mmCIF file of all heavy atoms, coordinates in Angstrom:
data_MODEL
# 
_entry.id   MODEL 
# 
loop_
_atom_site.group_PDB 
_atom_site.id 
_atom_site.type_symbol 
_atom_site.label_atom_id 
_atom_site.label_alt_id 
_atom_site.label_comp_id 
_atom_site.label_asym_id 
_atom_site.label_entity_id 
_atom_site.label_seq_id 
_atom_site.pdbx_PDB_ins_code 
_atom_site.Cartn_x 
_atom_site.Cartn_y 
_atom_site.Cartn_z 
_atom_site.occupancy 
_atom_site.B_iso_or_equiv 
_atom_site.pdbx_formal_charge 
_atom_site.auth_seq_id 
_atom_site.auth_comp_id 
_atom_site.auth_asym_id 
_atom_site.auth_atom_id 
_atom_site.pdbx_PDB_model_num 
ATOM 1   N N   . VAL A 1 1  ? 1.256   -16.233 -4.901 1.00 0.00 ? 1  VAL A N   1 
ATOM 2   C CA  . VAL A 1 1  ? 2.054   -15.038 -4.622 1.00 0.00 ? 1  VAL A CA  1 
ATOM 3   C C   . VAL A 1 1  ? 1.650   -14.510 -3.248 1.00 0.00 ? 1  VAL A C   1 
ATOM 4   O O   . VAL A 1 1  ? 0.575   -14.831 -2.722 1.00 0.00 ? 1  VAL A O   1 
ATOM 5   C CB  . VAL A 1 1  ? 1.861   -13.929 -5.688 1.00 0.00 ? 1  VAL A CB  1 
ATOM 6   C CG1 . VAL A 1 1  ? 2.331   -14.398 -7.049 1.00 0.00 ? 1  VAL A CG1 1 
ATOM 7   C CG2 . VAL A 1 1  ? 0.415   -13.445 -5.728 1.00 0.00 ? 1  VAL A CG2 1 
ATOM 8   N N   . GLU A 1 2  ? 2.525   -13.695 -2.684 1.00 0.00 ? 2  GLU A N   1 
ATOM 9   C CA  . GLU A 1 2  ? 2.264   -13.060 -1.391 1.00 0.00 ? 2  GLU A CA  1 
ATOM 10  C C   . GLU A 1 2  ? 2.204   -11.558 -1.593 1.00 0.00 ? 2  GLU A C   1 
ATOM 11  O O   . GLU A 1 2  ? 2.943   -11.000 -2.400 1.00 0.00 ? 2  GLU A O   1 
ATOM 12  C CB  . GLU A 1 2  ? 3.380   -13.422 -0.398 1.00 0.00 ? 2  GLU A CB  1 
ATOM 13  C CG  . GLU A 1 2  ? 3.172   -12.911 1.024  1.00 0.00 ? 2  GLU A CG  1 
ATOM 14  C CD  . GLU A 1 2  ? 3.675   -11.498 1.263  1.00 0.00 ? 2  GLU A CD  1 
ATOM 15  O OE1 . GLU A 1 2  ? 4.382   -10.952 0.379  1.00 0.00 ? 2  GLU A OE1 1 
ATOM 16  O OE2 . GLU A 1 2  ? 3.360   -10.921 2.327  1.00 0.00 ? 2  GLU A OE2 1 
ATOM 17  N N   . THR A 1 3  ? 1.312   -10.914 -0.862 1.00 0.00 ? 3  THR A N   1 
ATOM 18  C CA  . THR A 1 3  ? 1.267   -9.462  -0.878 1.00 0.00 ? 3  THR A CA  1 
ATOM 19  C C   . THR A 1 3  ? 0.772   -8.952  0.477  1.00 0.00 ? 3  THR A C   1 
ATOM 20  O O   . THR A 1 3  ? 0.210   -9.706  1.272  1.00 0.00 ? 3  THR A O   1 
ATOM 21  C CB  . THR A 1 3  ? 0.346   -8.920  -1.990 1.00 0.00 ? 3  THR A CB  1 
ATOM 22  O OG1 . THR A 1 3  ? 0.499   -7.493  -2.086 1.00 0.00 ? 3  THR A OG1 1 
ATOM 23  C CG2 . THR A 1 3  ? -1.118  -9.226  -1.708 1.00 0.00 ? 3  THR A CG2 1 
ATOM 24  N N   . ASP A 1 4  ? 1.003   -7.688  0.723  1.00 0.00 ? 4  ASP A N   1 
ATOM 25  C CA  . ASP A 1 4  ? 0.444   -6.995  1.873  1.00 0.00 ? 4  ASP A CA  1 
ATOM 26  C C   . ASP A 1 4  ? -0.678  -6.099  1.368  1.00 0.00 ? 4  ASP A C   1 
ATOM 27  O O   . ASP A 1 4  ? -0.751  -5.798  0.175  1.00 0.00 ? 4  ASP A O   1 
ATOM 28  C CB  . ASP A 1 4  ? 1.519   -6.144  2.549  1.00 0.00 ? 4  ASP A CB  1 
ATOM 29  C CG  . ASP A 1 4  ? 2.789   -6.939  2.794  1.00 0.00 ? 4  ASP A CG  1 
ATOM 30  O OD1 . ASP A 1 4  ? 2.862   -7.624  3.822  1.00 0.00 ? 4  ASP A OD1 1 
ATOM 31  O OD2 . ASP A 1 4  ? 3.696   -6.876  1.937  1.00 0.00 ? 4  ASP A OD2 1 
ATOM 32  N N   . VAL A 1 5  ? -1.534  -5.668  2.277  1.00 0.00 ? 5  VAL A N   1 
ATOM 33  C CA  . VAL A 1 5  ? -2.611  -4.781  1.849  1.00 0.00 ? 5  VAL A CA  1 
ATOM 34  C C   . VAL A 1 5  ? -2.761  -3.629  2.831  1.00 0.00 ? 5  VAL A C   1 
ATOM 35  O O   . VAL A 1 5  ? -2.748  -3.807  4.049  1.00 0.00 ? 5  VAL A O   1 
ATOM 36  C CB  . VAL A 1 5  ? -3.941  -5.543  1.681  1.00 0.00 ? 5  VAL A CB  1 
ATOM 37  C CG1 . VAL A 1 5  ? -4.433  -6.108  3.001  1.00 0.00 ? 5  VAL A CG1 1 
ATOM 38  C CG2 . VAL A 1 5  ? -5.004  -4.662  1.055  1.00 0.00 ? 5  VAL A CG2 1 
ATOM 39  N N   . HIS A 1 6  ? -2.843  -2.427  2.258  1.00 0.00 ? 6  HIS A N   1 
ATOM 40  C CA  . HIS A 1 6  ? -3.238  -1.208  2.962  1.00 0.00 ? 6  HIS A CA  1 
ATOM 41  C C   . HIS A 1 6  ? -4.463  -0.653  2.252  1.00 0.00 ? 6  HIS A C   1 
ATOM 42  O O   . HIS A 1 6  ? -4.892  -1.181  1.207  1.00 0.00 ? 6  HIS A O   1 
ATOM 43  C CB  . HIS A 1 6  ? -2.107  -0.182  2.952  1.00 0.00 ? 6  HIS A CB  1 
ATOM 44  C CG  . HIS A 1 6  ? -1.004  -0.476  3.915  1.00 0.00 ? 6  HIS A CG  1 
ATOM 45  N ND1 . HIS A 1 6  ? -1.066  -0.160  5.246  1.00 0.00 ? 6  HIS A ND1 1 
ATOM 46  C CD2 . HIS A 1 6  ? 0.214   -1.056  3.732  1.00 0.00 ? 6  HIS A CD2 1 
ATOM 47  C CE1 . HIS A 1 6  ? 0.035   -0.541  5.864  1.00 0.00 ? 6  HIS A CE1 1 
ATOM 48  N NE2 . HIS A 1 6  ? 0.841   -1.082  4.962  1.00 0.00 ? 6  HIS A NE2 1 
ATOM 49  N N   . ALA A 1 7  ? -5.017  0.412   2.780  1.00 0.00 ? 7  ALA A N   1 
ATOM 50  C CA  . ALA A 1 7  ? -6.171  1.047   2.137  1.00 0.00 ? 7  ALA A CA  1 
ATOM 51  C C   . ALA A 1 7  ? -6.005  2.552   2.139  1.00 0.00 ? 7  ALA A C   1 
ATOM 52  O O   . ALA A 1 7  ? -5.476  3.145   3.082  1.00 0.00 ? 7  ALA A O   1 
ATOM 53  C CB  . ALA A 1 7  ? -7.465  0.664   2.853  1.00 0.00 ? 7  ALA A CB  1 
ATOM 54  N N   . THR A 1 8  ? -6.455  3.157   1.060  1.00 0.00 ? 8  THR A N   1 
ATOM 55  C CA  . THR A 1 8  ? -6.398  4.608   0.929  1.00 0.00 ? 8  THR A CA  1 
ATOM 56  C C   . THR A 1 8  ? -7.472  5.268   1.806  1.00 0.00 ? 8  THR A C   1 
ATOM 57  O O   . THR A 1 8  ? -8.338  4.593   2.366  1.00 0.00 ? 8  THR A O   1 
ATOM 58  C CB  . THR A 1 8  ? -6.622  5.024   -0.528 1.00 0.00 ? 8  THR A CB  1 
ATOM 59  O OG1 . THR A 1 8  ? -7.946  4.620   -0.925 1.00 0.00 ? 8  THR A OG1 1 
ATOM 60  C CG2 . THR A 1 8  ? -5.601  4.385   -1.447 1.00 0.00 ? 8  THR A CG2 1 
ATOM 61  N N   . ARG A 1 9  ? -7.404  6.572   1.891  1.00 0.00 ? 9  ARG A N   1 
ATOM 62  C CA  . ARG A 1 9  ? -8.358  7.320   2.717  1.00 0.00 ? 9  ARG A CA  1 
ATOM 63  C C   . ARG A 1 9  ? -9.796  7.065   2.274  1.00 0.00 ? 9  ARG A C   1 
ATOM 64  O O   . ARG A 1 9  ? -10.715 7.001   3.098  1.00 0.00 ? 9  ARG A O   1 
ATOM 65  C CB  . ARG A 1 9  ? -8.036  8.813   2.628  1.00 0.00 ? 9  ARG A CB  1 
ATOM 66  C CG  . ARG A 1 9  ? -8.875  9.687   3.541  1.00 0.00 ? 9  ARG A CG  1 
ATOM 67  C CD  . ARG A 1 9  ? -8.447  11.137  3.410  1.00 0.00 ? 9  ARG A CD  1 
ATOM 68  N NE  . ARG A 1 9  ? -8.829  11.702  2.108  1.00 0.00 ? 9  ARG A NE  1 
ATOM 69  C CZ  . ARG A 1 9  ? -8.282  12.798  1.568  1.00 0.00 ? 9  ARG A CZ  1 
ATOM 70  N NH1 . ARG A 1 9  ? -7.300  13.425  2.216  1.00 0.00 ? 9  ARG A NH1 1 
ATOM 71  N NH2 . ARG A 1 9  ? -8.693  13.239  0.396  1.00 0.00 ? 9  ARG A NH2 1 
ATOM 72  N N   . ASP A 1 10 ? -9.977  6.895   0.942  1.00 0.00 ? 10 ASP A N   1 
ATOM 73  C CA  . ASP A 1 10 ? -11.321 6.680   0.417  1.00 0.00 ? 10 ASP A CA  1 
ATOM 74  C C   . ASP A 1 10 ? -11.647 5.204   0.211  1.00 0.00 ? 10 ASP A C   1 
ATOM 75  O O   . ASP A 1 10 ? -12.561 4.851   -0.537 1.00 0.00 ? 10 ASP A O   1 
ATOM 76  C CB  . ASP A 1 10 ? -11.540 7.482   -0.874 1.00 0.00 ? 10 ASP A CB  1 
ATOM 77  C CG  . ASP A 1 10 ? -10.383 7.375   -1.851 1.00 0.00 ? 10 ASP A CG  1 
ATOM 78  O OD1 . ASP A 1 10 ? -9.346  6.788   -1.498 1.00 0.00 ? 10 ASP A OD1 1 
ATOM 79  O OD2 . ASP A 1 10 ? -10.520 7.876   -2.980 1.00 0.00 ? 10 ASP A OD2 1 
ATOM 80  N N   . GLY A 1 11 ? -10.883 4.303   0.875  1.00 0.00 ? 11 GLY A N   1 
ATOM 81  C CA  . GLY A 1 11 ? -11.286 2.909   0.965  1.00 0.00 ? 11 GLY A CA  1 
ATOM 82  C C   . GLY A 1 11 ? -10.914 2.018   -0.191 1.00 0.00 ? 11 GLY A C   1 
ATOM 83  O O   . GLY A 1 11 ? -11.573 1.005   -0.425 1.00 0.00 ? 11 GLY A O   1 
ATOM 84  N N   . VAL A 1 12 ? -9.840  2.337   -0.903 1.00 0.00 ? 12 VAL A N   1 
ATOM 85  C CA  . VAL A 1 12 ? -9.358  1.461   -1.965 1.00 0.00 ? 12 VAL A CA  1 
ATOM 86  C C   . VAL A 1 12 ? -8.237  0.583   -1.408 1.00 0.00 ? 12 VAL A C   1 
ATOM 87  O O   . VAL A 1 12 ? -7.227  1.096   -0.897 1.00 0.00 ? 12 VAL A O   1 
ATOM 88  C CB  . VAL A 1 12 ? -8.843  2.272   -3.171 1.00 0.00 ? 12 VAL A CB  1 
ATOM 89  C CG1 . VAL A 1 12 ? -8.252  1.348   -4.234 1.00 0.00 ? 12 VAL A CG1 1 
ATOM 90  C CG2 . VAL A 1 12 ? -9.974  3.106   -3.762 1.00 0.00 ? 12 VAL A CG2 1 
ATOM 91  N N   . ALA A 1 13 ? -8.398  -0.730  -1.486 1.00 0.00 ? 13 ALA A N   1 
ATOM 92  C CA  . ALA A 1 13 ? -7.372  -1.663  -1.018 1.00 0.00 ? 13 ALA A CA  1 
ATOM 93  C C   . ALA A 1 13 ? -6.252  -1.732  -2.040 1.00 0.00 ? 13 ALA A C   1 
ATOM 94  O O   . ALA A 1 13 ? -6.494  -1.944  -3.231 1.00 0.00 ? 13 ALA A O   1 
ATOM 95  C CB  . ALA A 1 13 ? -7.975  -3.046  -0.804 1.00 0.00 ? 13 ALA A CB  1 
ATOM 96  N N   . VAL A 1 14 ? -5.009  -1.548  -1.570 1.00 0.00 ? 14 VAL A N   1 
ATOM 97  C CA  . VAL A 1 14 ? -3.859  -1.578  -2.464 1.00 0.00 ? 14 VAL A CA  1 
ATOM 98  C C   . VAL A 1 14 ? -2.878  -2.654  -2.015 1.00 0.00 ? 14 VAL A C   1 
ATOM 99  O O   . VAL A 1 14 ? -2.717  -2.906  -0.816 1.00 0.00 ? 14 VAL A O   1 
ATOM 100 C CB  . VAL A 1 14 ? -3.144  -0.204  -2.529 1.00 0.00 ? 14 VAL A CB  1 
ATOM 101 C CG1 . VAL A 1 14 ? -4.040  0.824   -3.187 1.00 0.00 ? 14 VAL A CG1 1 
ATOM 102 C CG2 . VAL A 1 14 ? -2.716  0.274   -1.151 1.00 0.00 ? 14 VAL A CG2 1 
ATOM 103 N N   . ALA A 1 15 ? -2.264  -3.302  -2.996 1.00 0.00 ? 15 ALA A N   1 
ATOM 104 C CA  . ALA A 1 15 ? -1.248  -4.327  -2.728 1.00 0.00 ? 15 ALA A CA  1 
ATOM 105 C C   . ALA A 1 15 ? 0.078   -3.612  -2.498 1.00 0.00 ? 15 ALA A C   1 
ATOM 106 O O   . ALA A 1 15 ? 0.799   -3.295  -3.439 1.00 0.00 ? 15 ALA A O   1 
ATOM 107 C CB  . ALA A 1 15 ? -1.156  -5.304  -3.906 1.00 0.00 ? 15 ALA A CB  1 
ATOM 108 N N   . PHE A 1 16 ? 0.399   -3.372  -1.234 1.00 0.00 ? 16 PHE A N   1 
ATOM 109 C CA  . PHE A 1 16 ? 1.555   -2.539  -0.901 1.00 0.00 ? 16 PHE A CA  1 
ATOM 110 C C   . PHE A 1 16 ? 1.991   -2.890  0.506  1.00 0.00 ? 16 PHE A C   1 
ATOM 111 O O   . PHE A 1 16 ? 1.157   -3.113  1.389  1.00 0.00 ? 16 PHE A O   1 
ATOM 112 C CB  . PHE A 1 16 ? 1.157   -1.056  -0.982 1.00 0.00 ? 16 PHE A CB  1 
ATOM 113 C CG  . PHE A 1 16 ? 2.283   -0.112  -1.224 1.00 0.00 ? 16 PHE A CG  1 
ATOM 114 C CD1 . PHE A 1 16 ? 2.827   0.035   -2.479 1.00 0.00 ? 16 PHE A CD1 1 
ATOM 115 C CD2 . PHE A 1 16 ? 2.797   0.657   -0.183 1.00 0.00 ? 16 PHE A CD2 1 
ATOM 116 C CE1 . PHE A 1 16 ? 3.870   0.933   -2.711 1.00 0.00 ? 16 PHE A CE1 1 
ATOM 117 C CE2 . PHE A 1 16 ? 3.825   1.558   -0.399 1.00 0.00 ? 16 PHE A CE2 1 
ATOM 118 C CZ  . PHE A 1 16 ? 4.375   1.694   -1.669 1.00 0.00 ? 16 PHE A CZ  1 
ATOM 119 N N   . HIS A 1 17 ? 3.302   -2.930  0.753  1.00 0.00 ? 17 HIS A N   1 
ATOM 120 C CA  . HIS A 1 17 ? 3.799   -3.356  2.056  1.00 0.00 ? 17 HIS A CA  1 
ATOM 121 C C   . HIS A 1 17 ? 3.819   -2.230  3.078  1.00 0.00 ? 17 HIS A C   1 
ATOM 122 O O   . HIS A 1 17 ? 3.317   -2.367  4.197  1.00 0.00 ? 17 HIS A O   1 
ATOM 123 C CB  . HIS A 1 17 ? 5.206   -3.935  1.924  1.00 0.00 ? 17 HIS A CB  1 
ATOM 124 C CG  . HIS A 1 17 ? 5.842   -4.256  3.243  1.00 0.00 ? 17 HIS A CG  1 
ATOM 125 N ND1 . HIS A 1 17 ? 6.619   -3.356  3.950  1.00 0.00 ? 17 HIS A ND1 1 
ATOM 126 C CD2 . HIS A 1 17 ? 5.794   -5.371  3.992  1.00 0.00 ? 17 HIS A CD2 1 
ATOM 127 C CE1 . HIS A 1 17 ? 7.017   -3.906  5.078  1.00 0.00 ? 17 HIS A CE1 1 
ATOM 128 N NE2 . HIS A 1 17 ? 6.534   -5.128  5.138  1.00 0.00 ? 17 HIS A NE2 1 
ATOM 129 N N   . ASP A 1 18 ? 4.427   -1.105  2.749  1.00 0.00 ? 18 ASP A N   1 
ATOM 130 C CA  . ASP A 1 18 ? 4.649   -0.033  3.715  1.00 0.00 ? 18 ASP A CA  1 
ATOM 131 C C   . ASP A 1 18 ? 3.369   0.752   3.972  1.00 0.00 ? 18 ASP A C   1 
ATOM 132 O O   . ASP A 1 18 ? 2.461   0.784   3.134  1.00 0.00 ? 18 ASP A O   1 
ATOM 133 C CB  . ASP A 1 18 ? 5.717   0.928   3.207  1.00 0.00 ? 18 ASP A CB  1 
ATOM 134 C CG  . ASP A 1 18 ? 7.077   0.262   3.031  1.00 0.00 ? 18 ASP A CG  1 
ATOM 135 O OD1 . ASP A 1 18 ? 7.186   -0.956  3.279  1.00 0.00 ? 18 ASP A OD1 1 
ATOM 136 O OD2 . ASP A 1 18 ? 8.018   0.978   2.632  1.00 0.00 ? 18 ASP A OD2 1 
ATOM 137 N N   . ASP A 1 19 ? 3.332   1.432   5.112  1.00 0.00 ? 19 ASP A N   1 
ATOM 138 C CA  . ASP A 1 19 ? 2.180   2.294   5.361  1.00 0.00 ? 19 ASP A CA  1 
ATOM 139 C C   . ASP A 1 19 ? 2.338   3.658   4.696  1.00 0.00 ? 19 ASP A C   1 
ATOM 140 O O   . ASP A 1 19 ? 1.383   4.435   4.639  1.00 0.00 ? 19 ASP A O   1 
ATOM 141 C CB  . ASP A 1 19 ? 1.915   2.457   6.860  1.00 0.00 ? 19 ASP A CB  1 
ATOM 142 C CG  . ASP A 1 19 ? 3.080   3.080   7.611  1.00 0.00 ? 19 ASP A CG  1 
ATOM 143 O OD1 . ASP A 1 19 ? 4.167   3.279   7.023  1.00 0.00 ? 19 ASP A OD1 1 
ATOM 144 O OD2 . ASP A 1 19 ? 2.914   3.375   8.813  1.00 0.00 ? 19 ASP A OD2 1 
ATOM 145 N N   . THR A 1 20 ? 3.539   3.940   4.180  1.00 0.00 ? 20 THR A N   1 
ATOM 146 C CA  . THR A 1 20 ? 3.759   5.176   3.423  1.00 0.00 ? 20 THR A CA  1 
ATOM 147 C C   . THR A 1 20 ? 4.293   4.836   2.037  1.00 0.00 ? 20 THR A C   1 
ATOM 148 O O   . THR A 1 20 ? 4.824   3.749   1.802  1.00 0.00 ? 20 THR A O   1 
ATOM 149 C CB  . THR A 1 20 ? 4.766   6.110   4.116  1.00 0.00 ? 20 THR A CB  1 
ATOM 150 O OG1 . THR A 1 20 ? 6.092   5.571   3.980  1.00 0.00 ? 20 THR A OG1 1 
ATOM 151 C CG2 . THR A 1 20 ? 4.427   6.291   5.590  1.00 0.00 ? 20 THR A CG2 1 
ATOM 152 N N   . LEU A 1 21 ? 4.185   5.814   1.142  1.00 0.00 ? 21 LEU A N   1 
ATOM 153 C CA  . LEU A 1 21 ? 4.696   5.632   -0.219 1.00 0.00 ? 21 LEU A CA  1 
ATOM 154 C C   . LEU A 1 21 ? 6.196   5.868   -0.320 1.00 0.00 ? 21 LEU A C   1 
ATOM 155 O O   . LEU A 1 21 ? 6.825   5.515   -1.326 1.00 0.00 ? 21 LEU A O   1 
ATOM 156 C CB  . LEU A 1 21 ? 3.989   6.612   -1.167 1.00 0.00 ? 21 LEU A CB  1 
ATOM 157 C CG  . LEU A 1 21 ? 2.491   6.410   -1.390 1.00 0.00 ? 21 LEU A CG  1 
ATOM 158 C CD1 . LEU A 1 21 ? 1.931   7.597   -2.162 1.00 0.00 ? 21 LEU A CD1 1 
ATOM 159 C CD2 . LEU A 1 21 ? 2.236   5.112   -2.145 1.00 0.00 ? 21 LEU A CD2 1 
ATOM 160 N N   . ASP A 1 22 ? 6.796   6.444   0.715  1.00 0.00 ? 22 ASP A N   1 
ATOM 161 C CA  . ASP A 1 22 ? 8.119   7.046   0.602  1.00 0.00 ? 22 ASP A CA  1 
ATOM 162 C C   . ASP A 1 22 ? 9.245   6.083   0.225  1.00 0.00 ? 22 ASP A C   1 
ATOM 163 O O   . ASP A 1 22 ? 10.109  6.439   -0.592 1.00 0.00 ? 22 ASP A O   1 
ATOM 164 C CB  . ASP A 1 22 ? 8.483   7.738   1.921  1.00 0.00 ? 22 ASP A CB  1 
ATOM 165 C CG  . ASP A 1 22 ? 7.479   8.819   2.308  1.00 0.00 ? 22 ASP A CG  1 
ATOM 166 O OD1 . ASP A 1 22 ? 6.281   8.489   2.461  1.00 0.00 ? 22 ASP A OD1 1 
ATOM 167 O OD2 . ASP A 1 22 ? 7.875   9.978   2.461  1.00 0.00 ? 22 ASP A OD2 1 
ATOM 168 N N   . ARG A 1 23 ? 9.286   4.884   0.802  1.00 0.00 ? 23 ARG A N   1 
ATOM 169 C CA  . ARG A 1 23 ? 10.467  4.023   0.638  1.00 0.00 ? 23 ARG A CA  1 
ATOM 170 C C   . ARG A 1 23 ? 10.629  3.508   -0.786 1.00 0.00 ? 23 ARG A C   1 
ATOM 171 O O   . ARG A 1 23 ? 11.743  3.509   -1.329 1.00 0.00 ? 23 ARG A O   1 
ATOM 172 C CB  . ARG A 1 23 ? 10.407  2.836   1.605  1.00 0.00 ? 23 ARG A CB  1 
ATOM 173 C CG  . ARG A 1 23 ? 11.607  1.868   1.461  1.00 0.00 ? 23 ARG A CG  1 
ATOM 174 C CD  . ARG A 1 23 ? 11.527  0.718   2.449  1.00 0.00 ? 23 ARG A CD  1 
ATOM 175 N NE  . ARG A 1 23 ? 10.398  -0.159  2.184  1.00 0.00 ? 23 ARG A NE  1 
ATOM 176 C CZ  . ARG A 1 23 ? 10.457  -1.220  1.376  1.00 0.00 ? 23 ARG A CZ  1 
ATOM 177 N NH1 . ARG A 1 23 ? 11.571  -1.509  0.727  1.00 0.00 ? 23 ARG A NH1 1 
ATOM 178 N NH2 . ARG A 1 23 ? 9.386   -1.976  1.194  1.00 0.00 ? 23 ARG A NH2 1 
ATOM 179 N N   . VAL A 1 24 ? 9.565   3.064   -1.411 1.00 0.00 ? 24 VAL A N   1 
ATOM 180 C CA  . VAL A 1 24 ? 9.725   2.361   -2.683 1.00 0.00 ? 24 VAL A CA  1 
ATOM 181 C C   . VAL A 1 24 ? 9.149   3.108   -3.880 1.00 0.00 ? 24 VAL A C   1 
ATOM 182 O O   . VAL A 1 24 ? 9.277   2.628   -5.008 1.00 0.00 ? 24 VAL A O   1 
ATOM 183 C CB  . VAL A 1 24 ? 9.095   0.944   -2.625 1.00 0.00 ? 24 VAL A CB  1 
ATOM 184 C CG1 . VAL A 1 24 ? 9.763   0.103   -1.562 1.00 0.00 ? 24 VAL A CG1 1 
ATOM 185 C CG2 . VAL A 1 24 ? 7.594   1.006   -2.404 1.00 0.00 ? 24 VAL A CG2 1 
ATOM 186 N N   . SER A 1 25 ? 8.534   4.266   -3.653 1.00 0.00 ? 25 SER A N   1 
ATOM 187 C CA  . SER A 1 25 ? 7.933   4.964   -4.787 1.00 0.00 ? 25 SER A CA  1 
ATOM 188 C C   . SER A 1 25 ? 8.400   6.417   -4.833 1.00 0.00 ? 25 SER A C   1 
ATOM 189 O O   . SER A 1 25 ? 9.073   6.910   -3.925 1.00 0.00 ? 25 SER A O   1 
ATOM 190 C CB  . SER A 1 25 ? 6.402   4.914   -4.697 1.00 0.00 ? 25 SER A CB  1 
ATOM 191 O OG  . SER A 1 25 ? 5.896   5.964   -3.899 1.00 0.00 ? 25 SER A OG  1 
ATOM 192 N N   . ASP A 1 26 ? 7.984   7.097   -5.880 1.00 0.00 ? 26 ASP A N   1 
ATOM 193 C CA  . ASP A 1 26 ? 8.309   8.520   -5.990 1.00 0.00 ? 26 ASP A CA  1 
ATOM 194 C C   . ASP A 1 26 ? 7.254   9.399   -5.328 1.00 0.00 ? 26 ASP A C   1 
ATOM 195 O O   . ASP A 1 26 ? 7.324   10.631  -5.396 1.00 0.00 ? 26 ASP A O   1 
ATOM 196 C CB  . ASP A 1 26 ? 8.481   8.925   -7.463 1.00 0.00 ? 26 ASP A CB  1 
ATOM 197 C CG  . ASP A 1 26 ? 7.262   8.601   -8.322 1.00 0.00 ? 26 ASP A CG  1 
ATOM 198 O OD1 . ASP A 1 26 ? 6.205   8.224   -7.753 1.00 0.00 ? 26 ASP A OD1 1 
ATOM 199 O OD2 . ASP A 1 26 ? 7.353   8.715   -9.557 1.00 0.00 ? 26 ASP A OD2 1 
# 
């Protein structure tokens, strides 16, 4: 599988493409 990775302010790596939550989440 393919995924992108960003990290939260407190250093948790998340499998997520965008740098913001806005496009695909609530």
